[in-house]
Amino acid sequence: MTVDAKILSALRAAPIGISGTELSRKLNMTRAGVWAHIEDLRALGYDIEASPHLGYRLLGAPDLLHADDLVARMGKVRVIGREIHVFQETTSTNDVVARLARGGAKEGAVVFAESQTKGRGRLGRKWISPAGKGLWFTVLLRPDCPPQGATQLTVAAATALARAVTLQTGIVPEIKWPNDILIRRRKIAGILTEMRAELDRVQEVLLGIGMDVNLEASDFPENLRRTATSLRIETGQKVNRAELAVTILRELDRDYQMVMEGHFEQLAEQWEERCTTLGSQVTIRFGQRVLRGRAESLDSDGALLIRGLHGHLERIVGGDVTMEPG
């Protein structure tokens, strides 16, 4: 943890104030050094009061994603969020994490971008990522599992995202298999899982997540305004992105541990409670093939089981899903 992260953590732990002497002792540095770091944080937009009687007190934080602040808010985690990076702009956070992975980055590293110039979703679709209005990030995972088990991670991520939205806003989102989070049947978030694996073992998974947080209707291209939404549109108020980001990472860390400890069935039950796909007649397209049938359940690996028109049960791990009326 950096000095700035330690200062922010100490300030958040002492809402009535902490003296410069106490901060100096905690950080093992001079009071002048502490003051210099406080000034740096003020320059970033943190409202830090300095009182002769109460010491330093954090009164407010800027509407930005700041790696040191996110680390300070996270506290102790098992895997996800131990290392956090924030870029003002990048092509895609999945691209950045892929480079970090090749360089030996530790599992659980997270990369956020305030904006992406080439954000992408599943099936090569473009993801709109306006600056400062959403959460665009990727988590590096190295699960000890065979390639088919990686599907469980998408299911776990979907349940974590939906739960975090509820914790932060009170709204209960729906899940559309395999990777969409919806409110009133409109998409607020998506998951892009990219994997590098050998025949029998996953080497790394890039868990990319995009969530529309404070976008307004005018931020969406006209062709998406009927199918996409944001938390700001749905709640009628601006959402604190840093608080939401920390909540999401904590829930992801929790669910990832559940998968790794063999408790996927519990997550699958939560997923099924929120899933709008199960029980529906669906059309799934993969390449030139089209499958129609009834979505029945998940299997033990997180694949979707479809009862086809001729009564056969098929296992589906990907594709473009459309729910049919009736």
C-alpha atoms as a PDB file:
ATOM      1  CA  MET A   1       0.000   0.000   0.000  1.00  0.00           C
ATOM      2  CA  THR A   2       1.380   3.434  -0.961  1.00  0.00           C
ATOM      3  CA  VAL A   3       1.757   6.338   1.468  1.00  0.00           C
ATOM      4  CA  ASP A   4      -1.290   8.097  -0.042  1.00  0.00           C
ATOM      5  CA  ALA A   5      -3.364   4.928   0.323  1.00  0.00           C
ATOM      6  CA  LYS A   6      -2.278   4.608   3.966  1.00  0.00           C
ATOM      7  CA  ILE A   7      -3.205   8.256   4.633  1.00  0.00           C
ATOM      8  CA  LEU A   8      -6.633   7.864   3.043  1.00  0.00           C
ATOM      9  CA  SER A   9      -7.200   4.627   4.943  1.00  0.00           C
ATOM     10  CA  ALA A  10      -6.275   6.334   8.233  1.00  0.00           C
ATOM     11  CA  LEU A  11      -8.523   9.323   7.480  1.00  0.00           C
ATOM     12  CA  ARG A  12     -11.487   7.068   6.661  1.00  0.00           C
ATOM     13  CA  ALA A  13     -10.898   5.105   9.868  1.00  0.00           C
ATOM     14  CA  ALA A  14     -10.957   8.330  11.932  1.00  0.00           C
ATOM     15  CA  PRO A  15     -14.000  10.360  10.788  1.00  0.00           C
ATOM     16  CA  ILE A  16     -13.639  12.831  13.687  1.00  0.00           C
ATOM     17  CA  GLY A  17     -10.009  13.498  12.795  1.00  0.00           C
ATOM     18  CA  ILE A  18      -6.487  12.206  13.327  1.00  0.00           C
ATOM     19  CA  SER A  19      -3.548  14.304  14.495  1.00  0.00           C
ATOM     20  CA  GLY A  20      -0.479  14.963  12.406  1.00  0.00           C
ATOM     21  CA  THR A  21       1.592  13.381  15.161  1.00  0.00           C
ATOM     22  CA  GLU A  22      -0.432  10.181  15.035  1.00  0.00           C
ATOM     23  CA  LEU A  23      -0.249  10.061  11.241  1.00  0.00           C
ATOM     24  CA  SER A  24       3.507  10.598  11.389  1.00  0.00           C
ATOM     25  CA  ARG A  25       3.827   7.708  13.835  1.00  0.00           C
ATOM     26  CA  LYS A  26       1.643   5.386  11.718  1.00  0.00           C
ATOM     27  CA  LEU A  27       3.555   6.211   8.541  1.00  0.00           C
ATOM     28  CA  ASN A  28       7.004   6.437  10.132  1.00  0.00           C
ATOM     29  CA  MET A  29       7.686   9.796   8.509  1.00  0.00           C
ATOM     30  CA  THR A  30       7.985  13.445   9.527  1.00  0.00           C
ATOM     31  CA  ARG A  31       4.977  15.719   9.949  1.00  0.00           C
ATOM     32  CA  ALA A  32       6.332  17.806   7.077  1.00  0.00           C
ATOM     33  CA  GLY A  33       6.291  14.691   4.906  1.00  0.00           C
ATOM     34  CA  VAL A  34       2.708  13.973   5.930  1.00  0.00           C
ATOM     35  CA  TRP A  35       1.753  17.556   5.074  1.00  0.00           C
ATOM     36  CA  ALA A  36       3.306  17.216   1.604  1.00  0.00           C
ATOM     37  CA  HIS A  37       1.230  14.125   0.883  1.00  0.00           C
ATOM     38  CA  ILE A  38      -1.913  15.817   2.217  1.00  0.00           C
ATOM     39  CA  GLU A  39      -1.287  18.684  -0.208  1.00  0.00           C
ATOM     40  CA  ASP A  40      -0.889  16.220  -3.078  1.00  0.00           C
ATOM     41  CA  LEU A  41      -4.235  14.638  -2.201  1.00  0.00           C
ATOM     42  CA  ARG A  42      -5.885  18.069  -2.002  1.00  0.00           C
ATOM     43  CA  ALA A  43      -4.555  18.823  -5.481  1.00  0.00           C
ATOM     44  CA  LEU A  44      -6.412  15.730  -6.708  1.00  0.00           C
ATOM     45  CA  GLY A  45      -9.645  17.087  -5.249  1.00  0.00           C
ATOM     46  CA  TYR A  46      -9.799  15.511  -1.788  1.00  0.00           C
ATOM     47  CA  ASP A  47     -11.304  17.909   0.756  1.00  0.00           C
ATOM     48  CA  ILE A  48      -9.067  17.432   3.800  1.00  0.00           C
ATOM     49  CA  GLU A  49      -9.515  19.778   6.758  1.00  0.00           C
ATOM     50  CA  ALA A  50      -6.557  20.606   9.003  1.00  0.00           C
ATOM     51  CA  SER A  51      -7.536  21.701  12.514  1.00  0.00           C
ATOM     52  CA  PRO A  52      -5.229  22.486  15.475  1.00  0.00           C
ATOM     53  CA  HIS A  53      -7.634  20.596  17.757  1.00  0.00           C
ATOM     54  CA  LEU A  54      -8.957  17.736  15.612  1.00  0.00           C
ATOM     55  CA  GLY A  55      -6.014  17.192  13.281  1.00  0.00           C
ATOM     56  CA  TYR A  56      -6.708  16.056   9.730  1.00  0.00           C
ATOM     57  CA  ARG A  57     -10.235  15.148   8.663  1.00  0.00           C
ATOM     58  CA  LEU A  58     -11.518  13.891   5.309  1.00  0.00           C
ATOM     59  CA  LEU A  59     -14.612  15.889   4.367  1.00  0.00           C
ATOM     60  CA  GLY A  60     -15.065  14.809   0.765  1.00  0.00           C
ATOM     61  CA  ALA A  61     -13.590  12.942  -2.179  1.00  0.00           C
ATOM     62  CA  PRO A  62     -13.588  13.842  -5.890  1.00  0.00           C
ATOM     63  CA  ASP A  63     -15.694  12.012  -8.469  1.00  0.00           C
ATOM     64  CA  LEU A  64     -12.812  10.081  -9.906  1.00  0.00           C
ATOM     65  CA  LEU A  65     -11.273   6.642  -9.696  1.00  0.00           C
ATOM     66  CA  HIS A  66      -7.995   6.944  -7.814  1.00  0.00           C
ATOM     67  CA  ALA A  67      -6.029   3.733  -7.300  1.00  0.00           C
ATOM     68  CA  ASP A  68      -4.708   4.668  -3.854  1.00  0.00           C
ATOM     69  CA  ASP A  69      -8.197   5.546  -2.638  1.00  0.00           C
ATOM     70  CA  LEU A  70      -9.710   2.328  -4.017  1.00  0.00           C
ATOM     71  CA  VAL A  71      -7.014   0.267  -2.285  1.00  0.00           C
ATOM     72  CA  ALA A  72      -7.604   2.195   0.952  1.00  0.00           C
ATOM     73  CA  ARG A  73     -11.356   1.562   0.764  1.00  0.00           C
ATOM     74  CA  MET A  74     -10.937  -2.135  -0.045  1.00  0.00           C
ATOM     75  CA  GLY A  75      -9.234  -3.094   3.196  1.00  0.00           C
ATOM     76  CA  LYS A  76      -8.291  -6.761   3.474  1.00  0.00           C
ATOM     77  CA  VAL A  77      -9.187  -8.983   0.504  1.00  0.00           C
ATOM     78  CA  ARG A  78      -8.399 -12.566  -0.404  1.00  0.00           C
ATOM     79  CA  VAL A  79      -7.436 -12.154  -4.064  1.00  0.00           C
ATOM     80  CA  ILE A  80      -9.314  -9.582  -6.132  1.00  0.00           C
ATOM     81  CA  GLY A  81      -8.286  -5.981  -5.511  1.00  0.00           C
ATOM     82  CA  ARG A  82      -4.920  -6.545  -3.873  1.00  0.00           C
ATOM     83  CA  GLU A  83      -3.391  -4.489  -6.691  1.00  0.00           C
ATOM     84  CA  ILE A  84      -5.322  -1.758  -8.501  1.00  0.00           C
ATOM     85  CA  HIS A  85      -4.328   0.431 -11.448  1.00  0.00           C
ATOM     86  CA  VAL A  86      -6.300   3.325 -12.944  1.00  0.00           C
ATOM     87  CA  PHE A  87      -5.703   4.746 -16.424  1.00  0.00           C
ATOM     88  CA  GLN A  88      -7.277   7.957 -17.645  1.00  0.00           C
ATOM     89  CA  GLU A  89      -7.658   6.441 -21.102  1.00  0.00           C
ATOM     90  CA  THR A  90      -6.759   3.196 -22.773  1.00  0.00           C
ATOM     91  CA  THR A  91      -7.883   1.123 -25.748  1.00  0.00           C
ATOM     92  CA  SER A  92      -9.419  -1.641 -23.640  1.00  0.00           C
ATOM     93  CA  THR A  93      -8.729  -2.699 -20.059  1.00  0.00           C
ATOM     94  CA  ASN A  94      -8.585  -6.319 -21.252  1.00  0.00           C
ATOM     95  CA  ASP A  95      -5.671  -5.329 -23.506  1.00  0.00           C
ATOM     96  CA  VAL A  96      -3.822  -3.726 -20.587  1.00  0.00           C
ATOM     97  CA  VAL A  97      -4.343  -6.709 -18.277  1.00  0.00           C
ATOM     98  CA  ALA A  98      -3.221  -9.104 -21.024  1.00  0.00           C
ATOM     99  CA  ARG A  99       0.093  -7.214 -21.143  1.00  0.00           C
ATOM    100  CA  LEU A 100       0.363  -7.231 -17.337  1.00  0.00           C
ATOM    101  CA  ALA A 101      -0.309 -10.971 -17.293  1.00  0.00           C
ATOM    102  CA  ARG A 102       2.488 -11.614 -19.788  1.00  0.00           C
ATOM    103  CA  GLY A 103       4.751  -9.585 -17.498  1.00  0.00           C
ATOM    104  CA  GLY A 104       3.942 -11.804 -14.521  1.00  0.00           C
ATOM    105  CA  ALA A 105       1.347  -9.676 -12.698  1.00  0.00           C
ATOM    106  CA  LYS A 106      -0.166 -11.343  -9.647  1.00  0.00           C
ATOM    107  CA  GLU A 107      -3.615 -12.869  -9.662  1.00  0.00           C
ATOM    108  CA  GLY A 108      -6.275 -10.428  -8.526  1.00  0.00           C
ATOM    109  CA  ALA A 109      -4.766  -7.369 -10.204  1.00  0.00           C
ATOM    110  CA  VAL A 110      -7.453  -4.950 -11.403  1.00  0.00           C
ATOM    111  CA  VAL A 111      -7.193  -2.295 -14.128  1.00  0.00           C
ATOM    112  CA  PHE A 112      -9.770   0.500 -14.387  1.00  0.00           C
ATOM    113  CA  ALA A 113      -9.970   3.071 -17.173  1.00  0.00           C
ATOM    114  CA  GLU A 114     -11.841   6.345 -16.925  1.00  0.00           C
ATOM    115  CA  SER A 115     -12.485   5.935 -20.657  1.00  0.00           C
ATOM    116  CA  GLN A 116     -11.788   3.384 -23.377  1.00  0.00           C
ATOM    117  CA  THR A 117     -11.222   4.160 -27.027  1.00  0.00           C
ATOM    118  CA  LYS A 118     -11.785   0.561 -28.183  1.00  0.00           C
ATOM    119  CA  GLY A 119     -13.943  -0.955 -25.477  1.00  0.00           C
ATOM    120  CA  ARG A 120     -15.490  -4.217 -26.623  1.00  0.00           C
ATOM    121  CA  GLY A 121     -18.180  -6.635 -25.606  1.00  0.00           C
ATOM    122  CA  ARG A 122     -18.903 -10.183 -26.614  1.00  0.00           C
ATOM    123  CA  LEU A 123     -18.924 -11.238 -30.269  1.00  0.00           C
ATOM    124  CA  GLY A 124     -16.736  -8.263 -31.220  1.00  0.00           C
ATOM    125  CA  ARG A 125     -19.361  -5.647 -30.409  1.00  0.00           C
ATOM    126  CA  LYS A 126     -18.248  -2.124 -29.538  1.00  0.00           C
ATOM    127  CA  TRP A 127     -18.752  -0.964 -25.941  1.00  0.00           C
ATOM    128  CA  ILE A 128     -19.444   2.746 -25.411  1.00  0.00           C
ATOM    129  CA  SER A 129     -17.152   4.009 -22.600  1.00  0.00           C
ATOM    130  CA  PRO A 130     -17.549   7.769 -22.020  1.00  0.00           C
ATOM    131  CA  ALA A 131     -15.061   9.354 -19.633  1.00  0.00           C
ATOM    132  CA  GLY A 132     -15.929   9.479 -15.958  1.00  0.00           C
ATOM    133  CA  LYS A 133     -19.427   8.033 -16.309  1.00  0.00           C
ATOM    134  CA  GLY A 134     -19.042   4.302 -15.882  1.00  0.00           C
ATOM    135  CA  LEU A 135     -16.943   1.509 -14.497  1.00  0.00           C
ATOM    136  CA  TRP A 136     -14.771  -0.072 -17.166  1.00  0.00           C
ATOM    137  CA  PHE A 137     -12.333  -2.575 -15.696  1.00  0.00           C
ATOM    138  CA  THR A 138     -10.683  -5.995 -15.973  1.00  0.00           C
ATOM    139  CA  VAL A 139      -9.612  -8.487 -13.307  1.00  0.00           C
ATOM    140  CA  LEU A 140      -6.743 -10.927 -13.813  1.00  0.00           C
ATOM    141  CA  LEU A 141      -7.509 -14.430 -12.531  1.00  0.00           C
ATOM    142  CA  ARG A 142      -5.485 -17.628 -12.557  1.00  0.00           C
ATOM    143  CA  PRO A 143      -7.991 -20.261 -11.429  1.00  0.00           C
ATOM    144  CA  ASP A 144      -6.888 -23.820 -10.829  1.00  0.00           C
ATOM    145  CA  CYS A 145      -9.472 -25.420 -13.119  1.00  0.00           C
ATOM    146  CA  PRO A 146      -9.893 -27.022 -16.562  1.00  0.00           C
ATOM    147  CA  PRO A 147     -10.986 -24.726 -19.434  1.00  0.00           C
ATOM    148  CA  GLN A 148     -14.645 -25.800 -19.252  1.00  0.00           C
ATOM    149  CA  GLY A 149     -14.750 -24.679 -15.620  1.00  0.00           C
ATOM    150  CA  ALA A 150     -14.081 -21.061 -16.599  1.00  0.00           C
ATOM    151  CA  THR A 151     -17.767 -20.685 -17.488  1.00  0.00           C
ATOM    152  CA  GLN A 152     -18.434 -20.714 -13.760  1.00  0.00           C
ATOM    153  CA  LEU A 153     -16.514 -17.452 -13.447  1.00  0.00           C
ATOM    154  CA  THR A 154     -18.942 -15.620 -15.747  1.00  0.00           C
ATOM    155  CA  VAL A 155     -21.858 -16.886 -13.660  1.00  0.00           C
ATOM    156  CA  ALA A 156     -20.090 -15.868 -10.438  1.00  0.00           C
ATOM    157  CA  ALA A 157     -19.297 -12.417 -11.852  1.00  0.00           C
ATOM    158  CA  ALA A 158     -22.922 -11.890 -12.883  1.00  0.00           C
ATOM    159  CA  THR A 159     -24.229 -12.738  -9.411  1.00  0.00           C
ATOM    160  CA  ALA A 160     -21.596 -10.482  -7.807  1.00  0.00           C
ATOM    161  CA  LEU A 161     -22.467  -7.541 -10.078  1.00  0.00           C
ATOM    162  CA  ALA A 162     -26.192  -7.911  -9.497  1.00  0.00           C
ATOM    163  CA  ARG A 163     -25.728  -8.167  -5.736  1.00  0.00           C
ATOM    164  CA  ALA A 164     -23.413  -5.133  -5.657  1.00  0.00           C
ATOM    165  CA  VAL A 165     -25.970  -3.021  -7.537  1.00  0.00           C
ATOM    166  CA  THR A 166     -28.613  -4.005  -4.993  1.00  0.00           C
ATOM    167  CA  LEU A 167     -26.329  -3.218  -2.067  1.00  0.00           C
ATOM    168  CA  GLN A 168     -25.458   0.195  -3.496  1.00  0.00           C
ATOM    169  CA  THR A 169     -28.806   1.333  -4.929  1.00  0.00           C
ATOM    170  CA  GLY A 170     -31.548  -0.967  -3.630  1.00  0.00           C
ATOM    171  CA  ILE A 171     -32.446  -1.954  -7.199  1.00  0.00           C
ATOM    172  CA  VAL A 172     -32.663  -5.698  -7.882  1.00  0.00           C
ATOM    173  CA  PRO A 173     -31.286  -6.318 -11.404  1.00  0.00           C
ATOM    174  CA  GLU A 174     -31.988  -9.293 -13.639  1.00  0.00           C
ATOM    175  CA  ILE A 175     -29.428 -11.515 -15.336  1.00  0.00           C
ATOM    176  CA  LYS A 176     -29.628 -12.570 -18.969  1.00  0.00           C
ATOM    177  CA  TRP A 177     -27.456 -15.553 -19.817  1.00  0.00           C
ATOM    178  CA  PRO A 178     -24.564 -15.552 -20.273  1.00  0.00           C
ATOM    179  CA  ASN A 179     -23.208 -12.123 -19.409  1.00  0.00           C
ATOM    180  CA  ASP A 180     -25.753  -9.285 -19.263  1.00  0.00           C
ATOM    181  CA  ILE A 181     -27.089  -7.418 -16.225  1.00  0.00           C
ATOM    182  CA  LEU A 182     -30.478  -5.817 -16.863  1.00  0.00           C
ATOM    183  CA  ILE A 183     -32.890  -3.387 -15.225  1.00  0.00           C
ATOM    184  CA  ARG A 184     -36.395  -3.326 -16.706  1.00  0.00           C
ATOM    185  CA  ARG A 185     -35.041  -5.538 -19.495  1.00  0.00           C
ATOM    186  CA  ARG A 186     -32.486  -2.869 -20.408  1.00  0.00           C
ATOM    187  CA  LYS A 187     -28.778  -3.575 -20.170  1.00  0.00           C
ATOM    188  CA  ILE A 188     -26.655  -1.785 -17.562  1.00  0.00           C
ATOM    189  CA  ALA A 189     -23.609  -4.059 -17.523  1.00  0.00           C
ATOM    190  CA  GLY A 190     -21.852  -6.778 -19.454  1.00  0.00           C
ATOM    191  CA  ILE A 191     -19.082  -9.276 -18.830  1.00  0.00           C
ATOM    192  CA  LEU A 192     -16.386 -10.221 -21.341  1.00  0.00           C
ATOM    193  CA  THR A 193     -14.378 -13.283 -20.308  1.00  0.00           C
ATOM    194  CA  GLU A 194     -11.218 -13.984 -22.293  1.00  0.00           C
ATOM    195  CA  MET A 195      -9.047 -16.975 -21.507  1.00  0.00           C
ATOM    196  CA  ARG A 196      -5.630 -18.423 -22.244  1.00  0.00           C
ATOM    197  CA  ALA A 197      -5.451 -22.135 -21.539  1.00  0.00           C
ATOM    198  CA  GLU A 198      -3.716 -25.407 -22.250  1.00  0.00           C
ATOM    199  CA  LEU A 199      -5.684 -28.559 -23.066  1.00  0.00           C
ATOM    200  CA  ASP A 200      -6.406 -29.432 -19.444  1.00  0.00           C
ATOM    201  CA  ARG A 201      -5.633 -26.285 -17.450  1.00  0.00           C
ATOM    202  CA  VAL A 202      -6.471 -22.594 -17.472  1.00  0.00           C
ATOM    203  CA  GLN A 203      -3.438 -20.335 -17.480  1.00  0.00           C
ATOM    204  CA  GLU A 204      -5.243 -17.030 -17.024  1.00  0.00           C
ATOM    205  CA  VAL A 205      -8.671 -15.460 -17.320  1.00  0.00           C
ATOM    206  CA  LEU A 206      -9.298 -11.812 -18.137  1.00  0.00           C
ATOM    207  CA  LEU A 207     -12.623 -10.910 -16.538  1.00  0.00           C
ATOM    208  CA  GLY A 208     -13.682  -7.699 -18.273  1.00  0.00           C
ATOM    209  CA  ILE A 209     -16.644  -5.738 -16.926  1.00  0.00           C
ATOM    210  CA  GLY A 210     -18.400  -2.650 -18.214  1.00  0.00           C
ATOM    211  CA  MET A 211     -21.119  -0.961 -16.167  1.00  0.00           C
ATOM    212  CA  ASP A 212     -23.116   2.109 -17.195  1.00  0.00           C
ATOM    213  CA  VAL A 213     -23.227   4.122 -13.978  1.00  0.00           C
ATOM    214  CA  ASN A 214     -23.801   7.848 -14.513  1.00  0.00           C
ATOM    215  CA  LEU A 215     -24.597   7.965 -18.215  1.00  0.00           C
ATOM    216  CA  GLU A 216     -27.604  10.007 -19.271  1.00  0.00           C
ATOM    217  CA  ALA A 217     -29.869   9.058 -22.162  1.00  0.00           C
ATOM    218  CA  SER A 218     -28.017  11.469 -24.467  1.00  0.00           C
ATOM    219  CA  ASP A 219     -24.744   9.598 -23.815  1.00  0.00           C
ATOM    220  CA  PHE A 220     -26.052   6.503 -25.588  1.00  0.00           C
ATOM    221  CA  PRO A 221     -26.123   6.261 -29.385  1.00  0.00           C
ATOM    222  CA  GLU A 222     -29.698   6.516 -30.626  1.00  0.00           C
ATOM    223  CA  ASN A 223     -29.801   2.855 -31.623  1.00  0.00           C
ATOM    224  CA  LEU A 224     -29.095   1.784 -28.013  1.00  0.00           C
ATOM    225  CA  ARG A 225     -31.489   4.036 -26.117  1.00  0.00           C
ATOM    226  CA  ARG A 226     -34.276   1.449 -26.049  1.00  0.00           C
ATOM    227  CA  THR A 227     -32.070  -1.439 -24.978  1.00  0.00           C
ATOM    228  CA  ALA A 228     -29.501   0.178 -22.641  1.00  0.00           C
ATOM    229  CA  THR A 229     -29.768   2.160 -19.429  1.00  0.00           C
ATOM    230  CA  SER A 230     -27.662   3.344 -16.502  1.00  0.00           C
ATOM    231  CA  LEU A 231     -27.924   3.431 -12.734  1.00  0.00           C
ATOM    232  CA  ARG A 232     -28.328   7.212 -12.879  1.00  0.00           C
ATOM    233  CA  ILE A 233     -31.284   6.907 -15.247  1.00  0.00           C
ATOM    234  CA  GLU A 234     -32.882   4.192 -13.110  1.00  0.00           C
ATOM    235  CA  THR A 235     -32.326   5.827  -9.700  1.00  0.00           C
ATOM    236  CA  GLY A 236     -32.763   9.434 -10.780  1.00  0.00           C
ATOM    237  CA  GLN A 237     -29.559  10.457  -9.033  1.00  0.00           C
ATOM    238  CA  LYS A 238     -25.807  10.354  -9.459  1.00  0.00           C
ATOM    239  CA  VAL A 239     -24.117   7.245  -8.078  1.00  0.00           C
ATOM    240  CA  ASN A 240     -20.745   7.332  -6.304  1.00  0.00           C
ATOM    241  CA  ARG A 241     -18.573   5.339  -8.690  1.00  0.00           C
ATOM    242  CA  ALA A 242     -15.719   4.700  -6.256  1.00  0.00           C
ATOM    243  CA  GLU A 243     -18.059   3.284  -3.621  1.00  0.00           C
ATOM    244  CA  LEU A 244     -19.749   1.108  -6.227  1.00  0.00           C
ATOM    245  CA  ALA A 245     -16.393  -0.074  -7.593  1.00  0.00           C
ATOM    246  CA  VAL A 246     -15.257  -1.179  -4.138  1.00  0.00           C
ATOM    247  CA  THR A 247     -18.555  -2.952  -3.478  1.00  0.00           C
ATOM    248  CA  ILE A 248     -18.280  -4.809  -6.794  1.00  0.00           C
ATOM    249  CA  LEU A 249     -14.681  -5.878  -6.152  1.00  0.00           C
ATOM    250  CA  ARG A 250     -15.552  -7.157  -2.674  1.00  0.00           C
ATOM    251  CA  GLU A 251     -18.472  -9.177  -4.034  1.00  0.00           C
ATOM    252  CA  LEU A 252     -16.320 -10.531  -6.872  1.00  0.00           C
ATOM    253  CA  ASP A 253     -13.623 -11.531  -4.394  1.00  0.00           C
ATOM    254  CA  ARG A 254     -16.222 -13.329  -2.279  1.00  0.00           C
ATOM    255  CA  ASP A 255     -17.789 -15.200  -5.192  1.00  0.00           C
ATOM    256  CA  TYR A 256     -14.442 -16.132  -6.720  1.00  0.00           C
ATOM    257  CA  GLN A 257     -13.441 -17.776  -3.462  1.00  0.00           C
ATOM    258  CA  MET A 258     -16.726 -19.663  -3.381  1.00  0.00           C
ATOM    259  CA  VAL A 259     -16.036 -21.064  -6.865  1.00  0.00           C
ATOM    260  CA  MET A 260     -12.455 -21.986  -5.989  1.00  0.00           C
ATOM    261  CA  GLU A 261     -13.609 -23.715  -2.779  1.00  0.00           C
ATOM    262  CA  GLY A 262     -16.169 -25.828  -4.620  1.00  0.00           C
ATOM    263  CA  HIS A 263     -19.353 -23.939  -3.722  1.00  0.00           C
ATOM    264  CA  PHE A 264     -20.483 -23.059  -7.239  1.00  0.00           C
ATOM    265  CA  GLU A 265     -23.917 -24.630  -6.686  1.00  0.00           C
ATOM    266  CA  GLN A 266     -24.772 -21.937  -4.120  1.00  0.00           C
ATOM    267  CA  LEU A 267     -23.913 -19.215  -6.626  1.00  0.00           C
ATOM    268  CA  ALA A 268     -25.850 -21.002  -9.354  1.00  0.00           C
ATOM    269  CA  GLU A 269     -28.940 -20.891  -7.131  1.00  0.00           C
ATOM    270  CA  GLN A 270     -28.541 -17.117  -6.685  1.00  0.00           C
ATOM    271  CA  TRP A 271     -28.011 -16.768 -10.444  1.00  0.00           C
ATOM    272  CA  GLU A 272     -31.149 -18.762 -11.240  1.00  0.00           C
ATOM    273  CA  GLU A 273     -33.238 -16.576  -8.901  1.00  0.00           C
ATOM    274  CA  ARG A 274     -32.304 -13.487 -10.934  1.00  0.00           C
ATOM    275  CA  CYS A 275     -32.080 -15.002 -14.401  1.00  0.00           C
ATOM    276  CA  THR A 276     -34.704 -13.974 -16.963  1.00  0.00           C
ATOM    277  CA  THR A 277     -33.463 -16.530 -19.493  1.00  0.00           C
ATOM    278  CA  LEU A 278     -34.480 -19.691 -17.632  1.00  0.00           C
ATOM    279  CA  GLY A 279     -37.946 -20.906 -18.481  1.00  0.00           C
ATOM    280  CA  SER A 280     -38.064 -18.800 -21.644  1.00  0.00           C
ATOM    281  CA  GLN A 281     -38.165 -19.847 -25.269  1.00  0.00           C
ATOM    282  CA  VAL A 282     -34.884 -18.690 -26.751  1.00  0.00           C
ATOM    283  CA  THR A 283     -33.056 -18.497 -30.040  1.00  0.00           C
ATOM    284  CA  ILE A 284     -29.287 -18.927 -29.841  1.00  0.00           C
ATOM    285  CA  ARG A 285     -27.017 -18.135 -32.764  1.00  0.00           C
ATOM    286  CA  PHE A 286     -23.414 -19.308 -32.982  1.00  0.00           C
ATOM    287  CA  GLY A 287     -21.868 -18.635 -36.322  1.00  0.00           C
ATOM    288  CA  GLN A 288     -24.153 -20.060 -38.995  1.00  0.00           C
ATOM    289  CA  ARG A 289     -25.986 -22.358 -36.588  1.00  0.00           C
ATOM    290  CA  VAL A 290     -29.312 -21.436 -34.987  1.00  0.00           C
ATOM    291  CA  LEU A 291     -30.811 -23.324 -32.038  1.00  0.00           C
ATOM    292  CA  ARG A 292     -34.325 -22.782 -30.745  1.00  0.00           C
ATOM    293  CA  GLY A 293     -35.708 -24.221 -27.550  1.00  0.00           C
ATOM    294  CA  ARG A 294     -36.520 -23.725 -23.896  1.00  0.00           C
ATOM    295  CA  ALA A 295     -33.795 -22.634 -21.464  1.00  0.00           C
ATOM    296  CA  GLU A 296     -34.056 -25.054 -18.555  1.00  0.00           C
ATOM    297  CA  SER A 297     -31.105 -24.719 -16.151  1.00  0.00           C
ATOM    298  CA  LEU A 298     -27.363 -24.455 -15.652  1.00  0.00           C
ATOM    299  CA  ASP A 299     -25.141 -27.506 -15.493  1.00  0.00           C
ATOM    300  CA  SER A 300     -22.361 -27.994 -12.964  1.00  0.00           C
ATOM    301  CA  ASP A 301     -19.892 -26.007 -15.105  1.00  0.00           C
ATOM    302  CA  GLY A 302     -22.239 -23.026 -15.635  1.00  0.00           C
ATOM    303  CA  ALA A 303     -23.267 -23.940 -19.198  1.00  0.00           C
ATOM    304  CA  LEU A 304     -26.883 -23.358 -20.247  1.00  0.00           C
ATOM    305  CA  LEU A 305     -29.063 -26.427 -20.861  1.00  0.00           C
ATOM    306  CA  ILE A 306     -31.551 -25.963 -23.714  1.00  0.00           C
ATOM    307  CA  ARG A 307     -34.422 -28.309 -24.484  1.00  0.00           C
ATOM    308  CA  GLY A 308     -34.581 -28.242 -28.283  1.00  0.00           C
ATOM    309  CA  LEU A 309     -37.701 -28.383 -30.417  1.00  0.00           C
ATOM    310  CA  HIS A 310     -37.314 -32.156 -30.775  1.00  0.00           C
ATOM    311  CA  GLY A 311     -36.949 -32.723 -27.042  1.00  0.00           C
ATOM    312  CA  HIS A 312     -33.191 -33.187 -26.908  1.00  0.00           C
ATOM    313  CA  LEU A 313     -31.218 -31.415 -24.166  1.00  0.00           C
ATOM    314  CA  GLU A 314     -28.229 -29.442 -25.451  1.00  0.00           C
ATOM    315  CA  ARG A 315     -25.382 -27.895 -23.495  1.00  0.00           C
ATOM    316  CA  ILE A 316     -24.560 -24.319 -24.577  1.00  0.00           C
ATOM    317  CA  VAL A 317     -21.446 -22.395 -23.523  1.00  0.00           C
ATOM    318  CA  GLY A 318     -21.707 -19.365 -25.811  1.00  0.00           C
ATOM    319  CA  GLY A 319     -23.634 -17.642 -28.547  1.00  0.00           C
ATOM    320  CA  ASP A 320     -25.991 -14.740 -29.083  1.00  0.00           C
ATOM    321  CA  VAL A 321     -29.202 -15.264 -27.110  1.00  0.00           C
ATOM    322  CA  THR A 322     -32.591 -13.785 -28.006  1.00  0.00           C
ATOM    323  CA  MET A 323     -35.626 -14.455 -25.820  1.00  0.00           C
ATOM    324  CA  GLU A 324     -38.764 -15.134 -27.831  1.00  0.00           C
ATOM    325  CA  PRO A 325     -42.226 -13.808 -26.899  1.00  0.00           C
ATOM    326  CA  GLY A 326     -44.707 -16.250 -25.452  1.00  0.00           C
END
